[in-house]
Amino acid sequence: MKESLARLLPKSLRSDAVTIPVIRLHGTIMAGGSPMRQSLSLASTAALLEKAFSFSAPAVAISVNSPGGSPVQSRLIYRRIRDLAEEKKKRVLVFVEDVAASGGYMIALSGDEIIADSSSIVGSIGVVSAGFGFQDLIRKIGVERRVHTSGRNKAILDPFQPEKEEDVERLKALQEDVHQSFIALVKERRGAKLAEDDDLFTGLFWTGERGHSLGLVDATGDMRSYLKKRYGEKTRLKLVSAPRGLLGRRLGFFGIDGRGADIAAAAATGLLEAAEDQALWRRYGL
């Protein structure tokens, strides 16, 4: 509304300051999630992205801080950002905070430029699946696992049954498909900027400084300084936040009804999810 009114003013009364909308994409990447977990998905970010790209501004700044997660949701968020950038004809500037690794780096690839702090963590271009095997535990406590399927591969990688070599090979084949797709996207977006390095696509990760020399990022620096240098000292940053519900809460957090049973169940699930989150962040020393 303010922008619309400003356009009605005579040029002599208009401010020459540029306002750049800023989005924060922080958290692990996953579909769904619980109220206890800060997570990213297309569903949780779509409205935010639409709002930011509706600004009358030459660019959209995106702050990324994510250790990764779902490759599907990562690509969906990446694709939505690129679609909006092309539709609205705006430049996308991505700023890495602590980490943009794995799926977090995939989202960062949506930027026309990627800027990281010299101590940020970037990269981890690979695919990982992790879990636990409980077959010895349930045997020890006297629990018998019973599984009945139609389709001989329906129960592959069941954590309560011994791991089978053919199941692992099947999983690795799927991972390789996803990995090659990730590599192709990096090459498409970074192109000739990438350095010749045998470790680039092995899942290793680097500091922002080293990532710059490898071509994974375009520059090192911070958002405020970088944008003021690009668009002038009067440049203003406008944080775009998620729309709020009728009770003033962020939509998609606890919801409007706030039923006790639902919150209690979500809290229990959240404890496990918090442990998974910690494992992802700790992998990068955070």
C-alpha atoms as a PDB file:
ATOM      1  CA  MET A   1       0.000   0.000   0.000  1.00  0.00           C
ATOM      2  CA  LYS A   2       2.809   2.419   0.904  1.00  0.00           C
ATOM      3  CA  GLU A   3       4.547   1.671  -2.371  1.00  0.00           C
ATOM      4  CA  SER A   4       1.339   2.361  -4.333  1.00  0.00           C
ATOM      5  CA  LEU A   5       0.857   5.707  -2.570  1.00  0.00           C
ATOM      6  CA  ALA A   6       4.504   6.639  -3.156  1.00  0.00           C
ATOM      7  CA  ARG A   7       4.059   6.238  -6.892  1.00  0.00           C
ATOM      8  CA  LEU A   8       1.272   8.840  -6.818  1.00  0.00           C
ATOM      9  CA  LEU A   9       3.576  11.495  -5.342  1.00  0.00           C
ATOM     10  CA  PRO A  10       5.463  13.977  -7.559  1.00  0.00           C
ATOM     11  CA  LYS A  11       9.032  12.849  -8.283  1.00  0.00           C
ATOM     12  CA  SER A  12      10.358  15.734  -6.206  1.00  0.00           C
ATOM     13  CA  LEU A  13       8.655  14.329  -3.109  1.00  0.00           C
ATOM     14  CA  ARG A  14       9.561  10.702  -3.635  1.00  0.00           C
ATOM     15  CA  SER A  15      12.398   9.062  -1.740  1.00  0.00           C
ATOM     16  CA  ASP A  16      15.216   7.833  -3.950  1.00  0.00           C
ATOM     17  CA  ALA A  17      15.985   5.016  -1.506  1.00  0.00           C
ATOM     18  CA  VAL A  18      15.657   1.490  -2.847  1.00  0.00           C
ATOM     19  CA  THR A  19      13.759  -0.998  -0.661  1.00  0.00           C
ATOM     20  CA  ILE A  20      14.867  -4.624  -1.020  1.00  0.00           C
ATOM     21  CA  PRO A  21      12.526  -7.319   0.355  1.00  0.00           C
ATOM     22  CA  VAL A  22      14.302  -9.920   2.485  1.00  0.00           C
ATOM     23  CA  ILE A  23      13.146 -13.502   3.110  1.00  0.00           C
ATOM     24  CA  ARG A  24      14.604 -15.794   5.775  1.00  0.00           C
ATOM     25  CA  LEU A  25      14.643 -19.463   4.753  1.00  0.00           C
ATOM     26  CA  HIS A  26      15.979 -21.065   7.914  1.00  0.00           C
ATOM     27  CA  GLY A  27      15.629 -24.632   9.179  1.00  0.00           C
ATOM     28  CA  THR A  28      15.766 -28.226   8.030  1.00  0.00           C
ATOM     29  CA  ILE A  29      13.948 -29.068   4.810  1.00  0.00           C
ATOM     30  CA  MET A  30      11.038 -31.488   5.004  1.00  0.00           C
ATOM     31  CA  ALA A  31       7.422 -31.949   4.012  1.00  0.00           C
ATOM     32  CA  GLY A  32       4.978 -31.500   6.864  1.00  0.00           C
ATOM     33  CA  GLY A  33       6.729 -31.186  10.195  1.00  0.00           C
ATOM     34  CA  SER A  34       5.481 -30.518  13.710  1.00  0.00           C
ATOM     35  CA  PRO A  35       4.884 -27.341  15.746  1.00  0.00           C
ATOM     36  CA  MET A  36       8.117 -28.121  17.622  1.00  0.00           C
ATOM     37  CA  ARG A  37      10.299 -27.982  14.530  1.00  0.00           C
ATOM     38  CA  GLN A  38      11.434 -25.082  12.393  1.00  0.00           C
ATOM     39  CA  SER A  39      11.309 -26.572   8.930  1.00  0.00           C
ATOM     40  CA  LEU A  40      11.118 -25.550   5.298  1.00  0.00           C
ATOM     41  CA  SER A  41       8.873 -26.904   2.557  1.00  0.00           C
ATOM     42  CA  LEU A  42       7.153 -25.490  -0.497  1.00  0.00           C
ATOM     43  CA  ALA A  43       3.899 -25.325   1.484  1.00  0.00           C
ATOM     44  CA  SER A  44       5.486 -23.301   4.290  1.00  0.00           C
ATOM     45  CA  THR A  45       7.352 -20.890   2.008  1.00  0.00           C
ATOM     46  CA  ALA A  46       5.090 -20.381  -1.037  1.00  0.00           C
ATOM     47  CA  ALA A  47       3.062 -17.473   0.375  1.00  0.00           C
ATOM     48  CA  LEU A  48       6.217 -15.827   1.717  1.00  0.00           C
ATOM     49  CA  LEU A  49       7.905 -16.022  -1.678  1.00  0.00           C
ATOM     50  CA  GLU A  50       4.863 -14.651  -3.496  1.00  0.00           C
ATOM     51  CA  LYS A  51       4.711 -11.715  -1.084  1.00  0.00           C
ATOM     52  CA  ALA A  52       8.408 -10.863  -1.478  1.00  0.00           C
ATOM     53  CA  PHE A  53       8.344 -11.005  -5.274  1.00  0.00           C
ATOM     54  CA  SER A  54       5.307  -8.694  -5.365  1.00  0.00           C
ATOM     55  CA  PHE A  55       7.440  -5.764  -4.151  1.00  0.00           C
ATOM     56  CA  SER A  56       8.356  -2.978  -6.555  1.00  0.00           C
ATOM     57  CA  ALA A  57      12.071  -3.684  -6.197  1.00  0.00           C
ATOM     58  CA  PRO A  58      14.925  -4.626  -8.531  1.00  0.00           C
ATOM     59  CA  ALA A  59      15.829  -7.689  -6.493  1.00  0.00           C
ATOM     60  CA  VAL A  60      14.794 -10.060  -3.733  1.00  0.00           C
ATOM     61  CA  ALA A  61      17.319 -10.961  -1.019  1.00  0.00           C
ATOM     62  CA  ILE A  62      17.089 -14.429   0.519  1.00  0.00           C
ATOM     63  CA  SER A  63      18.862 -15.418   3.719  1.00  0.00           C
ATOM     64  CA  VAL A  64      19.529 -19.177   3.728  1.00  0.00           C
ATOM     65  CA  ASN A  65      20.498 -21.099   6.844  1.00  0.00           C
ATOM     66  CA  SER A  66      19.847 -24.811   6.382  1.00  0.00           C
ATOM     67  CA  PRO A  67      21.772 -28.079   6.807  1.00  0.00           C
ATOM     68  CA  GLY A  68      19.546 -29.760   4.205  1.00  0.00           C
ATOM     69  CA  GLY A  69      16.816 -32.376   4.304  1.00  0.00           C
ATOM     70  CA  SER A  70      14.318 -33.486   1.681  1.00  0.00           C
ATOM     71  CA  PRO A  71      15.763 -33.276  -1.856  1.00  0.00           C
ATOM     72  CA  VAL A  72      12.235 -33.028  -3.275  1.00  0.00           C
ATOM     73  CA  GLN A  73      11.216 -30.054  -1.121  1.00  0.00           C
ATOM     74  CA  SER A  74      14.608 -28.428  -1.761  1.00  0.00           C
ATOM     75  CA  ARG A  75      14.086 -28.618  -5.512  1.00  0.00           C
ATOM     76  CA  LEU A  76      10.458 -27.453  -5.261  1.00  0.00           C
ATOM     77  CA  ILE A  77      11.514 -24.341  -3.312  1.00  0.00           C
ATOM     78  CA  TYR A  78      14.373 -23.744  -5.749  1.00  0.00           C
ATOM     79  CA  ARG A  79      12.007 -24.055  -8.716  1.00  0.00           C
ATOM     80  CA  ARG A  80       9.404 -21.714  -7.222  1.00  0.00           C
ATOM     81  CA  ILE A  81      12.028 -19.028  -6.596  1.00  0.00           C
ATOM     82  CA  ARG A  82      13.352 -19.284 -10.151  1.00  0.00           C
ATOM     83  CA  ASP A  83       9.844 -19.242 -11.646  1.00  0.00           C
ATOM     84  CA  LEU A  84       8.949 -16.101  -9.692  1.00  0.00           C
ATOM     85  CA  ALA A  85      12.250 -14.434 -10.581  1.00  0.00           C
ATOM     86  CA  GLU A  86      11.630 -15.003 -14.280  1.00  0.00           C
ATOM     87  CA  GLU A  87       7.955 -14.054 -14.093  1.00  0.00           C
ATOM     88  CA  LYS A  88       8.572 -10.851 -12.117  1.00  0.00           C
ATOM     89  CA  LYS A  89      11.906 -10.111 -13.819  1.00  0.00           C
ATOM     90  CA  LYS A  90      13.771  -9.687 -10.551  1.00  0.00           C
ATOM     91  CA  ARG A  91      17.312 -10.550  -9.553  1.00  0.00           C
ATOM     92  CA  VAL A  92      17.719 -13.030  -6.692  1.00  0.00           C
ATOM     93  CA  LEU A  93      20.550 -12.487  -4.231  1.00  0.00           C
ATOM     94  CA  VAL A  94      21.121 -15.336  -1.780  1.00  0.00           C
ATOM     95  CA  PHE A  95      23.042 -14.734   1.445  1.00  0.00           C
ATOM     96  CA  VAL A  96      24.316 -17.748   3.387  1.00  0.00           C
ATOM     97  CA  GLU A  97      24.369 -17.448   7.161  1.00  0.00           C
ATOM     98  CA  ASP A  98      25.778 -20.368   9.193  1.00  0.00           C
ATOM     99  CA  VAL A  99      25.233 -23.067   6.603  1.00  0.00           C
ATOM    100  CA  ALA A 100      23.812 -23.805   3.160  1.00  0.00           C
ATOM    101  CA  ALA A 101      24.625 -27.475   2.784  1.00  0.00           C
ATOM    102  CA  SER A 102      23.081 -30.327   0.815  1.00  0.00           C
ATOM    103  CA  GLY A 103      19.436 -29.298   0.231  1.00  0.00           C
ATOM    104  CA  GLY A 104      20.238 -25.905   1.739  1.00  0.00           C
ATOM    105  CA  TYR A 105      22.820 -25.365  -0.978  1.00  0.00           C
ATOM    106  CA  MET A 106      20.306 -26.533  -3.583  1.00  0.00           C
ATOM    107  CA  ILE A 107      17.994 -23.724  -2.471  1.00  0.00           C
ATOM    108  CA  ALA A 108      20.942 -21.298  -2.570  1.00  0.00           C
ATOM    109  CA  LEU A 109      21.426 -22.202  -6.243  1.00  0.00           C
ATOM    110  CA  SER A 110      18.238 -20.245  -6.972  1.00  0.00           C
ATOM    111  CA  GLY A 111      20.292 -17.088  -6.530  1.00  0.00           C
ATOM    112  CA  ASP A 112      21.681 -15.164  -9.473  1.00  0.00           C
ATOM    113  CA  GLU A 113      24.434 -14.472  -6.973  1.00  0.00           C
ATOM    114  CA  ILE A 114      25.373 -16.378  -3.810  1.00  0.00           C
ATOM    115  CA  ILE A 115      27.119 -14.443  -1.052  1.00  0.00           C
ATOM    116  CA  ALA A 116      28.418 -16.166   2.081  1.00  0.00           C
ATOM    117  CA  ASP A 117      30.257 -15.162   5.217  1.00  0.00           C
ATOM    118  CA  SER A 118      33.876 -16.276   5.025  1.00  0.00           C
ATOM    119  CA  SER A 119      33.142 -18.718   7.875  1.00  0.00           C
ATOM    120  CA  SER A 120      29.819 -20.034   6.526  1.00  0.00           C
ATOM    121  CA  ILE A 121      29.581 -23.718   5.586  1.00  0.00           C
ATOM    122  CA  VAL A 122      28.652 -24.459   1.972  1.00  0.00           C
ATOM    123  CA  GLY A 123      28.512 -27.498  -0.296  1.00  0.00           C
ATOM    124  CA  SER A 124      27.847 -31.087   0.803  1.00  0.00           C
ATOM    125  CA  ILE A 125      26.689 -31.938  -2.721  1.00  0.00           C
ATOM    126  CA  GLY A 126      25.605 -35.500  -2.106  1.00  0.00           C
ATOM    127  CA  VAL A 127      22.770 -37.677  -0.824  1.00  0.00           C
ATOM    128  CA  VAL A 128      22.514 -39.460   2.509  1.00  0.00           C
ATOM    129  CA  SER A 129      20.001 -41.812   4.114  1.00  0.00           C
ATOM    130  CA  ALA A 130      20.273 -42.677   7.781  1.00  0.00           C
ATOM    131  CA  GLY A 131      18.361 -44.823  10.220  1.00  0.00           C
ATOM    132  CA  PHE A 132      18.669 -47.398  12.984  1.00  0.00           C
ATOM    133  CA  GLY A 133      18.502 -51.184  13.157  1.00  0.00           C
ATOM    134  CA  PHE A 134      16.400 -52.494  16.055  1.00  0.00           C
ATOM    135  CA  GLN A 135      16.301 -56.235  15.334  1.00  0.00           C
ATOM    136  CA  ASP A 136      18.700 -57.143  18.174  1.00  0.00           C
ATOM    137  CA  LEU A 137      16.924 -54.856  20.633  1.00  0.00           C
ATOM    138  CA  ILE A 138      13.468 -56.324  20.090  1.00  0.00           C
ATOM    139  CA  ARG A 139      14.904 -59.846  20.311  1.00  0.00           C
ATOM    140  CA  LYS A 140      16.553 -58.965  23.622  1.00  0.00           C
ATOM    141  CA  ILE A 141      13.316 -57.654  25.153  1.00  0.00           C
ATOM    142  CA  GLY A 142      11.300 -60.600  23.837  1.00  0.00           C
ATOM    143  CA  VAL A 143       9.359 -58.913  21.043  1.00  0.00           C
ATOM    144  CA  GLU A 144       8.607 -60.844  17.874  1.00  0.00           C
ATOM    145  CA  ARG A 145       8.329 -58.862  14.653  1.00  0.00           C
ATOM    146  CA  ARG A 146       5.568 -60.051  12.267  1.00  0.00           C
ATOM    147  CA  VAL A 147       5.359 -58.578   8.765  1.00  0.00           C
ATOM    148  CA  HIS A 148       3.006 -59.755   6.019  1.00  0.00           C
ATOM    149  CA  THR A 149       3.235 -58.219   2.566  1.00  0.00           C
ATOM    150  CA  SER A 150       1.888 -58.577  -0.928  1.00  0.00           C
ATOM    151  CA  GLY A 151       4.941 -57.920  -3.068  1.00  0.00           C
ATOM    152  CA  ARG A 152       8.292 -59.372  -2.082  1.00  0.00           C
ATOM    153  CA  ASN A 153      10.016 -55.972  -1.857  1.00  0.00           C
ATOM    154  CA  LYS A 154       7.291 -54.178   0.078  1.00  0.00           C
ATOM    155  CA  ALA A 155       9.146 -54.342   3.404  1.00  0.00           C
ATOM    156  CA  ILE A 156      12.694 -53.593   2.254  1.00  0.00           C
ATOM    157  CA  LEU A 157      14.896 -51.734   4.747  1.00  0.00           C
ATOM    158  CA  ASP A 158      12.534 -52.517   7.628  1.00  0.00           C
ATOM    159  CA  PRO A 159      14.523 -51.322  10.682  1.00  0.00           C
ATOM    160  CA  PHE A 160      13.180 -54.222  12.766  1.00  0.00           C
ATOM    161  CA  GLN A 161      14.597 -56.870  10.413  1.00  0.00           C
ATOM    162  CA  PRO A 162      18.212 -57.683   9.510  1.00  0.00           C
ATOM    163  CA  GLU A 163      19.585 -55.565   6.683  1.00  0.00           C
ATOM    164  CA  LYS A 164      19.854 -57.310   3.320  1.00  0.00           C
ATOM    165  CA  GLU A 165      22.632 -56.595   0.838  1.00  0.00           C
ATOM    166  CA  GLU A 166      20.245 -56.396  -2.116  1.00  0.00           C
ATOM    167  CA  ASP A 167      18.092 -53.850  -0.265  1.00  0.00           C
ATOM    168  CA  VAL A 168      21.122 -51.647   0.395  1.00  0.00           C
ATOM    169  CA  GLU A 169      22.153 -51.855  -3.264  1.00  0.00           C
ATOM    170  CA  ARG A 170      18.657 -50.779  -4.282  1.00  0.00           C
ATOM    171  CA  LEU A 171      18.841 -47.780  -1.940  1.00  0.00           C
ATOM    172  CA  LYS A 172      22.269 -46.798  -3.250  1.00  0.00           C
ATOM    173  CA  ALA A 173      20.967 -46.889  -6.825  1.00  0.00           C
ATOM    174  CA  LEU A 174      18.170 -44.487  -5.864  1.00  0.00           C
ATOM    175  CA  GLN A 175      20.656 -42.232  -4.095  1.00  0.00           C
ATOM    176  CA  GLU A 176      22.879 -42.172  -7.175  1.00  0.00           C
ATOM    177  CA  ASP A 177      19.955 -40.991  -9.331  1.00  0.00           C
ATOM    178  CA  VAL A 178      19.215 -38.150  -6.921  1.00  0.00           C
ATOM    179  CA  HIS A 179      22.918 -37.292  -6.632  1.00  0.00           C
ATOM    180  CA  GLN A 180      23.362 -37.038 -10.406  1.00  0.00           C
ATOM    181  CA  SER A 181      20.316 -34.776 -10.610  1.00  0.00           C
ATOM    182  CA  PHE A 182      21.841 -32.531  -7.912  1.00  0.00           C
ATOM    183  CA  ILE A 183      25.198 -32.411  -9.736  1.00  0.00           C
ATOM    184  CA  ALA A 184      23.459 -31.464 -12.996  1.00  0.00           C
ATOM    185  CA  LEU A 185      21.669 -28.581 -11.252  1.00  0.00           C
ATOM    186  CA  VAL A 186      24.919 -27.272  -9.743  1.00  0.00           C
ATOM    187  CA  LYS A 187      26.612 -27.368 -13.146  1.00  0.00           C
ATOM    188  CA  GLU A 188      23.619 -25.687 -14.792  1.00  0.00           C
ATOM    189  CA  ARG A 189      23.539 -22.831 -12.300  1.00  0.00           C
ATOM    190  CA  ARG A 190      27.260 -22.337 -11.571  1.00  0.00           C
ATOM    191  CA  GLY A 191      28.639 -23.302 -14.983  1.00  0.00           C
ATOM    192  CA  ALA A 192      32.127 -22.040 -15.793  1.00  0.00           C
ATOM    193  CA  LYS A 193      32.441 -20.530 -12.301  1.00  0.00           C
ATOM    194  CA  LEU A 194      33.157 -23.984 -10.868  1.00  0.00           C
ATOM    195  CA  ALA A 195      36.770 -24.913 -10.229  1.00  0.00           C
ATOM    196  CA  GLU A 196      38.242 -28.210 -11.364  1.00  0.00           C
ATOM    197  CA  ASP A 197      38.310 -30.186  -8.130  1.00  0.00           C
ATOM    198  CA  ASP A 198      37.855 -33.940  -7.717  1.00  0.00           C
ATOM    199  CA  ASP A 199      36.155 -33.467  -4.337  1.00  0.00           C
ATOM    200  CA  LEU A 200      33.521 -31.003  -5.508  1.00  0.00           C
ATOM    201  CA  PHE A 201      30.667 -33.511  -5.816  1.00  0.00           C
ATOM    202  CA  THR A 202      31.730 -36.035  -3.176  1.00  0.00           C
ATOM    203  CA  GLY A 203      29.611 -34.619  -0.337  1.00  0.00           C
ATOM    204  CA  LEU A 204      32.448 -32.618   1.226  1.00  0.00           C
ATOM    205  CA  PHE A 205      31.718 -29.134   2.520  1.00  0.00           C
ATOM    206  CA  TRP A 206      33.832 -26.016   2.890  1.00  0.00           C
ATOM    207  CA  THR A 207      33.951 -22.564   4.448  1.00  0.00           C
ATOM    208  CA  GLY A 208      32.489 -19.675   2.493  1.00  0.00           C
ATOM    209  CA  GLU A 209      36.022 -18.456   1.750  1.00  0.00           C
ATOM    210  CA  ARG A 210      37.047 -21.789   0.251  1.00  0.00           C
ATOM    211  CA  GLY A 211      33.655 -22.125  -1.420  1.00  0.00           C
ATOM    212  CA  HIS A 212      34.347 -18.825  -3.171  1.00  0.00           C
ATOM    213  CA  SER A 213      37.598 -20.129  -4.631  1.00  0.00           C
ATOM    214  CA  LEU A 214      35.797 -23.306  -5.741  1.00  0.00           C
ATOM    215  CA  GLY A 215      33.077 -21.311  -7.472  1.00  0.00           C
ATOM    216  CA  LEU A 216      30.276 -22.445  -5.161  1.00  0.00           C
ATOM    217  CA  VAL A 217      29.640 -18.844  -4.089  1.00  0.00           C
ATOM    218  CA  ASP A 218      30.210 -15.526  -5.868  1.00  0.00           C
ATOM    219  CA  ALA A 219      31.490 -13.400  -3.008  1.00  0.00           C
ATOM    220  CA  THR A 220      31.968 -13.232   0.738  1.00  0.00           C
ATOM    221  CA  GLY A 221      30.287 -10.581   2.827  1.00  0.00           C
ATOM    222  CA  ASP A 222      27.101  -9.691   4.714  1.00  0.00           C
ATOM    223  CA  MET A 223      23.682  -8.776   3.387  1.00  0.00           C
ATOM    224  CA  ARG A 224      23.409  -5.176   4.578  1.00  0.00           C
ATOM    225  CA  SER A 225      26.837  -4.087   3.348  1.00  0.00           C
ATOM    226  CA  TYR A 226      26.510  -5.935   0.057  1.00  0.00           C
ATOM    227  CA  LEU A 227      23.096  -4.485  -0.781  1.00  0.00           C
ATOM    228  CA  LYS A 228      24.107  -0.936   0.148  1.00  0.00           C
ATOM    229  CA  LYS A 229      27.181  -1.221  -2.048  1.00  0.00           C
ATOM    230  CA  ARG A 230      25.041  -2.546  -4.914  1.00  0.00           C
ATOM    231  CA  TYR A 231      22.020  -0.219  -4.667  1.00  0.00           C
ATOM    232  CA  GLY A 232      23.330   2.782  -2.732  1.00  0.00           C
ATOM    233  CA  GLU A 233      23.801   3.890   0.875  1.00  0.00           C
ATOM    234  CA  LYS A 234      20.113   4.777   1.226  1.00  0.00           C
ATOM    235  CA  THR A 235      19.043   1.207   0.474  1.00  0.00           C
ATOM    236  CA  ARG A 236      16.511  -0.135   2.960  1.00  0.00           C
ATOM    237  CA  LEU A 237      15.977  -3.794   3.813  1.00  0.00           C
ATOM    238  CA  LYS A 238      12.385  -4.905   4.392  1.00  0.00           C
ATOM    239  CA  LEU A 239      11.967  -8.244   6.159  1.00  0.00           C
ATOM    240  CA  VAL A 240       9.012 -10.119   4.680  1.00  0.00           C
ATOM    241  CA  SER A 241       7.331 -12.317   7.272  1.00  0.00           C
ATOM    242  CA  ALA A 242       4.727 -15.056   6.976  1.00  0.00           C
ATOM    243  CA  PRO A 243       1.061 -14.015   7.071  1.00  0.00           C
ATOM    244  CA  ARG A 244      -0.606 -14.296  10.483  1.00  0.00           C
ATOM    245  CA  GLY A 245      -3.796 -16.109  11.436  1.00  0.00           C
ATOM    246  CA  LEU A 246      -6.857 -14.629  13.150  1.00  0.00           C
ATOM    247  CA  LEU A 247      -5.254 -14.996  16.595  1.00  0.00           C
ATOM    248  CA  GLY A 248      -2.025 -13.336  15.565  1.00  0.00           C
ATOM    249  CA  ARG A 249      -0.064 -16.568  15.274  1.00  0.00           C
ATOM    250  CA  ARG A 250       2.005 -17.501  12.261  1.00  0.00           C
ATOM    251  CA  LEU A 251      -0.112 -19.621   9.952  1.00  0.00           C
ATOM    252  CA  GLY A 252       1.001 -23.237   9.951  1.00  0.00           C
ATOM    253  CA  PHE A 253       2.377 -23.194  13.520  1.00  0.00           C
ATOM    254  CA  PHE A 254      -0.135 -24.402  16.147  1.00  0.00           C
ATOM    255  CA  GLY A 255      -3.198 -23.659  14.024  1.00  0.00           C
ATOM    256  CA  ILE A 256      -6.302 -21.771  15.073  1.00  0.00           C
ATOM    257  CA  ASP A 257      -8.059 -24.265  17.313  1.00  0.00           C
ATOM    258  CA  GLY A 258      -5.012 -25.179  19.452  1.00  0.00           C
ATOM    259  CA  ARG A 259      -6.508 -28.493  20.621  1.00  0.00           C
ATOM    260  CA  GLY A 260      -4.593 -29.863  23.617  1.00  0.00           C
ATOM    261  CA  ALA A 261      -4.403 -33.466  22.392  1.00  0.00           C
ATOM    262  CA  ASP A 262      -2.985 -32.426  19.041  1.00  0.00           C
ATOM    263  CA  ILE A 263      -0.387 -30.218  20.691  1.00  0.00           C
ATOM    264  CA  ALA A 264       0.623 -32.991  23.113  1.00  0.00           C
ATOM    265  CA  ALA A 265       1.023 -35.480  20.267  1.00  0.00           C
ATOM    266  CA  ALA A 266       2.993 -32.942  18.275  1.00  0.00           C
ATOM    267  CA  ALA A 267       5.229 -32.308  21.284  1.00  0.00           C
ATOM    268  CA  ALA A 268       6.038 -36.016  21.606  1.00  0.00           C
ATOM    269  CA  THR A 269       6.822 -36.280  17.914  1.00  0.00           C
ATOM    270  CA  GLY A 270       8.778 -33.075  18.195  1.00  0.00           C
ATOM    271  CA  LEU A 271      11.232 -34.610  20.646  1.00  0.00           C
ATOM    272  CA  LEU A 272      12.297 -37.165  18.042  1.00  0.00           C
ATOM    273  CA  GLU A 273      12.350 -34.581  15.297  1.00  0.00           C
ATOM    274  CA  ALA A 274      14.466 -32.280  17.465  1.00  0.00           C
ATOM    275  CA  ALA A 275      17.027 -35.069  17.801  1.00  0.00           C
ATOM    276  CA  GLU A 276      17.064 -35.484  14.002  1.00  0.00           C
ATOM    277  CA  ASP A 277      17.481 -31.739  13.597  1.00  0.00           C
ATOM    278  CA  GLN A 278      20.400 -31.705  16.006  1.00  0.00           C
ATOM    279  CA  ALA A 279      22.079 -34.522  14.099  1.00  0.00           C
ATOM    280  CA  LEU A 280      21.844 -32.546  10.843  1.00  0.00           C
ATOM    281  CA  TRP A 281      23.170 -29.308  12.340  1.00  0.00           C
ATOM    282  CA  ARG A 282      25.914 -31.049  14.360  1.00  0.00           C
ATOM    283  CA  ARG A 283      27.266 -32.621  11.205  1.00  0.00           C
ATOM    284  CA  TYR A 284      28.493 -29.160  10.248  1.00  0.00           C
ATOM    285  CA  GLY A 285      29.792 -28.311  13.712  1.00  0.00           C
ATOM    286  CA  LEU A 286      26.785 -26.133  14.583  1.00  0.00           C
END
